[in-house]
């Protein structure tokens, strides 16, 4: 029976971000949530556990306020959670996150068969944590996975590529990053939320871990995107089609 780790991140809910008159982003009244892509990772871990037995562990790094995210992950079907937390873990870059997760998995979890990560985080979307984590653990990594199968100690997946679908097999333990269309994440009910508070949560502090390197990424500024539409109506006869093509040339859309 497999032991599966689902990694997730507690991120800003973009629905609450506002745009100021000057074009800047206003985060003063935002709420937080488990990233959209990470919900697919959690759901897939729980589905595999439900079908095959074993256990599903929710694993995350974040600030103390992210406890709400841990409870949310538990309400979605994970058996237990591992929460690595510190006030300085607010703006970790992917290399730091992967280093922290790798140390905790090696020292605290150890007995695992599969690690599932989302395709990318909902905020940075760097798509680096999963591959970096697999490299540090010395295990196979398969990205952009849309179907997972576990049997007889072997992982078989369908992976989407530009030319179509690849079917890949790898020995366990292994790590996969999953696409959003792999499943539809469940919506926890009241009973699920109440049960989550009774499930075990391992909390690990920064002082329990080895020091990580300094961040090399700096956010210089954030500006809201602007969309400007210029509407013009064209007919269907030859003259109108010619006028349409000429309009595209003037705008530089076609040569």
Protein backbone atom coordinates (compact mmCIF):
# COMPACT_ATOMS: atom_id res chain seq x y z
CA UNK A 1 0.00 0.00 0.00
CA UNK A 2 1.59 3.28 -1.11
CA UNK A 3 2.46 6.21 1.11
CA UNK A 4 1.89 9.38 -0.90
CA UNK A 5 3.01 12.95 -0.18
CA UNK A 6 1.01 15.85 -1.63
CA UNK A 7 2.88 19.16 -1.64
CA UNK A 8 0.91 22.40 -1.68
CA UNK A 9 1.27 26.15 -1.21
CA UNK A 10 -0.92 28.67 0.63
CA UNK A 11 -1.24 31.59 -1.82
CA UNK A 12 -3.07 34.87 -2.29
CA UNK A 13 -6.60 34.47 -3.62
CA UNK A 14 -6.45 36.55 -6.80
CA UNK A 15 -10.19 37.26 -6.61
CA UNK A 16 -9.47 39.75 -3.80
CA UNK A 17 -6.67 41.68 -5.54
CA UNK A 18 -7.72 45.19 -6.53
CA UNK A 19 -6.28 47.61 -9.06
CA UNK A 20 -5.60 51.17 -7.93
CA UNK A 21 -6.13 54.24 -10.09
CA UNK A 22 -2.37 54.44 -10.69
CA UNK A 23 -2.26 50.87 -12.05
CA UNK A 24 -0.69 49.25 -8.97
CA UNK A 25 -2.00 46.13 -7.27
CA UNK A 26 -3.73 46.51 -3.92
CA UNK A 27 -3.24 43.52 -1.58
CA UNK A 28 -4.62 45.24 1.54
CA UNK A 29 -7.81 43.16 1.75
CA UNK A 30 -6.74 39.85 0.20
CA UNK A 31 -7.62 36.41 1.48
CA UNK A 32 -5.60 33.22 0.97
CA UNK A 33 -6.26 29.73 -0.37
CA UNK A 34 -4.56 26.50 -1.44
CA UNK A 35 -3.26 27.11 -4.96
CA UNK A 36 -5.54 25.91 -7.74
CA UNK A 37 -2.93 23.54 -9.20
CA UNK A 38 -2.05 22.18 -5.75
CA UNK A 39 -5.67 21.18 -5.17
CA UNK A 40 -5.27 18.76 -8.06
CA UNK A 41 -2.15 17.31 -6.41
CA UNK A 42 -4.00 16.78 -3.13
CA UNK A 43 -7.02 15.28 -4.87
CA UNK A 44 -4.90 12.81 -6.84
CA UNK A 45 -3.03 11.72 -3.71
CA UNK A 46 -6.30 11.09 -1.89
CA UNK A 47 -7.83 9.23 -4.84
CA UNK A 48 -4.84 6.91 -5.10
CA UNK A 49 -4.95 6.32 -1.36
CA UNK A 50 -8.68 5.57 -1.46
CA UNK A 51 -8.22 3.09 -4.33
CA UNK A 52 -5.02 1.38 -3.21
CA UNK A 53 -4.88 1.86 0.54
CA UNK A 54 -1.87 3.38 2.27
CA UNK A 55 -1.79 7.00 3.37
CA UNK A 56 -1.78 10.54 2.00
CA UNK A 57 0.34 13.19 3.73
CA UNK A 58 -0.14 16.92 3.06
CA UNK A 59 3.17 18.79 3.13
CA UNK A 60 3.70 22.55 3.00
CA UNK A 61 6.08 25.37 3.92
CA UNK A 62 4.74 28.75 4.98
CA UNK A 63 4.09 31.41 7.58
CA UNK A 64 2.12 30.55 10.75
CA UNK A 65 -1.12 31.94 9.27
CA UNK A 66 -1.02 29.15 6.68
CA UNK A 67 -2.42 26.79 9.34
CA UNK A 68 -5.79 27.41 7.66
CA UNK A 69 -4.38 25.87 4.50
CA UNK A 70 -3.20 22.80 6.41
CA UNK A 71 -6.68 22.27 7.80
CA UNK A 72 -8.13 22.72 4.32
CA UNK A 73 -5.79 20.04 2.94
CA UNK A 74 -6.81 17.66 5.73
CA UNK A 75 -10.49 18.32 5.04
CA UNK A 76 -9.87 17.27 1.42
CA UNK A 77 -9.00 13.73 2.50
CA UNK A 78 -5.35 13.66 3.56
CA UNK A 79 -4.70 11.48 6.62
CA UNK A 80 -2.12 13.74 8.24
CA UNK A 81 -0.11 16.86 7.55
CA UNK A 82 3.40 18.17 7.98
CA UNK A 83 3.62 21.95 8.36
CA UNK A 84 7.04 23.64 8.17
CA UNK A 85 6.57 27.17 9.42
CA UNK A 86 8.34 30.40 10.29
CA UNK A 87 7.54 34.10 9.97
CA UNK A 88 10.43 34.44 7.48
CA UNK A 89 8.91 31.88 5.10
CA UNK A 90 6.58 34.38 3.42
CA UNK A 91 8.51 34.97 0.18
CA UNK A 92 10.61 31.88 -0.35
CA UNK A 93 11.94 31.28 -3.84
CA UNK A 94 11.65 27.81 -5.45
CA UNK A 95 15.20 26.72 -4.62
CA UNK A 96 14.66 27.49 -0.93
CA UNK A 97 11.29 25.75 -0.80
CA UNK A 98 12.70 22.63 -2.47
CA UNK A 99 15.65 22.54 -0.05
CA UNK A 100 13.36 22.76 2.98
CA UNK A 101 10.96 20.11 1.69
CA UNK A 102 13.81 17.75 0.81
CA UNK A 103 15.34 17.98 4.28
CA UNK A 104 12.02 17.31 5.99
CA UNK A 105 11.15 14.38 3.72
CA UNK A 106 14.57 12.80 4.27
CA UNK A 107 14.60 13.30 8.04
CA UNK A 108 10.94 13.15 9.13
CA UNK A 109 8.94 11.19 6.58
CA UNK A 110 11.44 8.85 4.87
CA UNK A 111 9.00 6.03 4.08
CA UNK A 112 7.20 7.28 0.96
CA UNK A 113 6.42 5.91 -2.49
CA UNK A 114 5.19 8.90 -4.46
CA UNK A 115 5.36 12.69 -4.20
CA UNK A 116 2.74 14.70 -6.08
CA UNK A 117 3.11 18.41 -6.81
CA UNK A 118 0.95 20.76 -8.83
CA UNK A 119 2.07 21.87 -12.27
CA UNK A 120 3.14 25.17 -10.69
CA UNK A 121 2.15 27.52 -7.89
CA UNK A 122 -0.77 29.89 -8.43
CA UNK A 123 1.37 32.93 -7.60
CA UNK A 124 4.89 32.55 -9.03
CA UNK A 125 4.12 29.66 -11.40
CA UNK A 126 7.84 29.00 -11.74
CA UNK A 127 7.30 25.22 -12.17
CA UNK A 128 10.58 24.57 -10.35
CA UNK A 129 9.81 23.17 -6.89
CA UNK A 130 8.81 19.68 -8.08
CA UNK A 131 11.85 19.04 -10.33
CA UNK A 132 14.25 20.62 -7.82
CA UNK A 133 12.81 18.51 -5.00
CA UNK A 134 13.17 15.30 -7.02
CA UNK A 135 16.77 16.15 -7.85
CA UNK A 136 17.64 16.75 -4.20
CA UNK A 137 16.02 13.46 -3.19
CA UNK A 138 17.64 11.57 -6.06
CA UNK A 139 14.37 10.18 -7.42
CA UNK A 140 12.75 10.20 -10.90
CA UNK A 141 10.63 13.22 -11.83
CA UNK A 142 7.88 13.24 -14.47
CA UNK A 143 6.15 16.53 -15.25
CA UNK A 144 2.89 17.55 -16.97
CA UNK A 145 1.16 14.31 -15.96
CA UNK A 146 -2.54 13.83 -16.71
CA UNK A 147 -3.01 10.25 -15.51
CA UNK A 148 -1.28 8.22 -12.76
CA UNK A 149 -1.26 4.48 -12.14
CA UNK A 150 0.56 2.60 -9.36
CA UNK A 151 1.01 -1.15 -9.34
CA UNK A 152 3.63 -3.66 -8.19
CA UNK A 153 6.09 -1.02 -7.08
CA UNK A 154 6.03 0.77 -10.43
CA UNK A 155 4.66 4.12 -11.53
CA UNK A 156 3.02 4.46 -14.95
CA UNK A 157 1.80 7.85 -16.17
CA UNK A 158 0.38 9.61 -19.19
CA UNK A 159 2.30 12.82 -19.84
CA UNK A 160 1.12 15.55 -22.17
CA UNK A 161 3.67 16.89 -24.65
CA UNK A 162 3.37 19.10 -27.74
CA UNK A 163 3.27 16.13 -30.10
CA UNK A 164 0.62 14.21 -28.12
CA UNK A 165 0.68 11.90 -25.11
CA UNK A 166 3.71 10.01 -23.71
CA UNK A 167 3.29 6.90 -21.58
CA UNK A 168 6.18 6.62 -19.14
CA UNK A 169 7.05 4.08 -16.45
CA UNK A 170 9.41 4.72 -13.53
CA UNK A 171 10.46 2.88 -10.37
CA UNK A 172 9.28 4.05 -6.98
CA UNK A 173 9.83 6.27 -5.13
CA UNK A 174 9.19 8.98 -7.71
CA UNK A 175 7.77 12.50 -8.06
CA UNK A 176 5.15 13.76 -10.51
CA UNK A 177 3.80 17.21 -11.26
CA UNK A 178 0.18 17.00 -12.37
CA UNK A 179 -1.91 19.03 -14.81
CA UNK A 180 -5.27 20.55 -13.80
CA UNK A 181 -7.23 18.16 -16.04
CA UNK A 182 -6.05 15.08 -14.12
CA UNK A 183 -9.08 15.39 -11.84
CA UNK A 184 -11.75 17.66 -10.40
CA UNK A 185 -10.87 18.56 -6.78
CA UNK A 186 -13.56 17.78 -4.24
CA UNK A 187 -15.30 20.45 -2.21
CA UNK A 188 -15.07 19.59 1.51
CA UNK A 189 -18.32 19.35 3.42
CA UNK A 190 -19.05 20.36 7.00
CA UNK A 191 -18.26 16.86 8.29
CA UNK A 192 -14.94 16.86 6.40
CA UNK A 193 -13.98 20.20 7.94
CA UNK A 194 -14.83 19.00 11.45
CA UNK A 195 -12.91 15.76 10.97
CA UNK A 196 -9.83 17.68 9.79
CA UNK A 197 -9.26 19.14 13.26
CA UNK A 198 -8.88 15.61 14.67
CA UNK A 199 -6.21 14.49 12.22
CA UNK A 200 -2.53 14.60 13.23
CA UNK A 201 -0.43 17.61 12.22
CA UNK A 202 3.34 17.60 12.60
CA UNK A 203 4.68 21.12 13.01
CA UNK A 204 8.34 21.81 12.25
CA UNK A 205 10.06 25.09 13.09
CA UNK A 206 12.86 26.83 11.24
CA UNK A 207 15.23 26.20 14.16
CA UNK A 208 14.77 22.45 13.65
CA UNK A 209 16.26 22.64 10.16
CA UNK A 210 19.61 23.41 8.60
CA UNK A 211 20.06 27.01 7.36
CA UNK A 212 19.02 27.68 3.77
CA UNK A 213 20.68 30.06 1.35
CA UNK A 214 19.52 33.63 0.87
CA UNK A 215 16.94 34.49 -1.75
CA UNK A 216 18.29 35.78 -5.06
CA UNK A 217 14.92 36.88 -6.45
CA UNK A 218 13.67 40.41 -5.84
CA UNK A 219 10.30 41.83 -6.84
CA UNK A 220 11.01 45.28 -8.24
CA UNK A 221 7.38 46.24 -8.87
CA UNK A 222 3.93 44.89 -9.58
CA UNK A 223 1.65 46.53 -12.13
CA UNK A 224 -1.86 45.48 -13.10
CA UNK A 225 -2.33 44.38 -16.70
CA UNK A 226 -4.40 46.61 -18.93
CA UNK A 227 -6.62 45.53 -21.77
CA UNK A 228 -7.68 48.00 -24.41
CA UNK A 229 -10.21 47.04 -27.07
CA UNK A 230 -10.70 48.81 -30.37
CA UNK A 231 -13.93 47.59 -31.93
CA UNK A 232 -14.49 47.94 -35.67
CA UNK A 233 -17.12 46.23 -37.75
CA UNK A 234 -16.33 44.62 -41.12
CA UNK A 235 -18.62 43.22 -43.77
CA UNK A 236 -18.29 39.96 -45.69
CA UNK A 237 -17.85 41.12 -49.30
CA UNK A 238 -14.50 41.34 -51.09
CA UNK A 239 -13.99 45.04 -50.41
CA UNK A 240 -14.60 44.61 -46.67
CA UNK A 241 -12.24 41.64 -46.47
CA UNK A 242 -9.57 43.73 -48.18
CA UNK A 243 -10.19 46.54 -45.69
CA UNK A 244 -9.94 44.04 -42.84
CA UNK A 245 -6.58 42.73 -44.10
CA UNK A 246 -5.27 46.27 -44.51
CA UNK A 247 -6.32 47.11 -40.95
CA UNK A 248 -4.35 44.11 -39.63
CA UNK A 249 -1.28 45.24 -41.60
CA UNK A 250 -1.46 48.74 -40.16
CA UNK A 251 -1.62 47.32 -36.64
CA UNK A 252 1.40 45.08 -37.33
CA UNK A 253 -0.58 41.88 -36.75
CA UNK A 254 0.34 40.52 -40.20
CA UNK A 255 3.18 41.40 -42.56
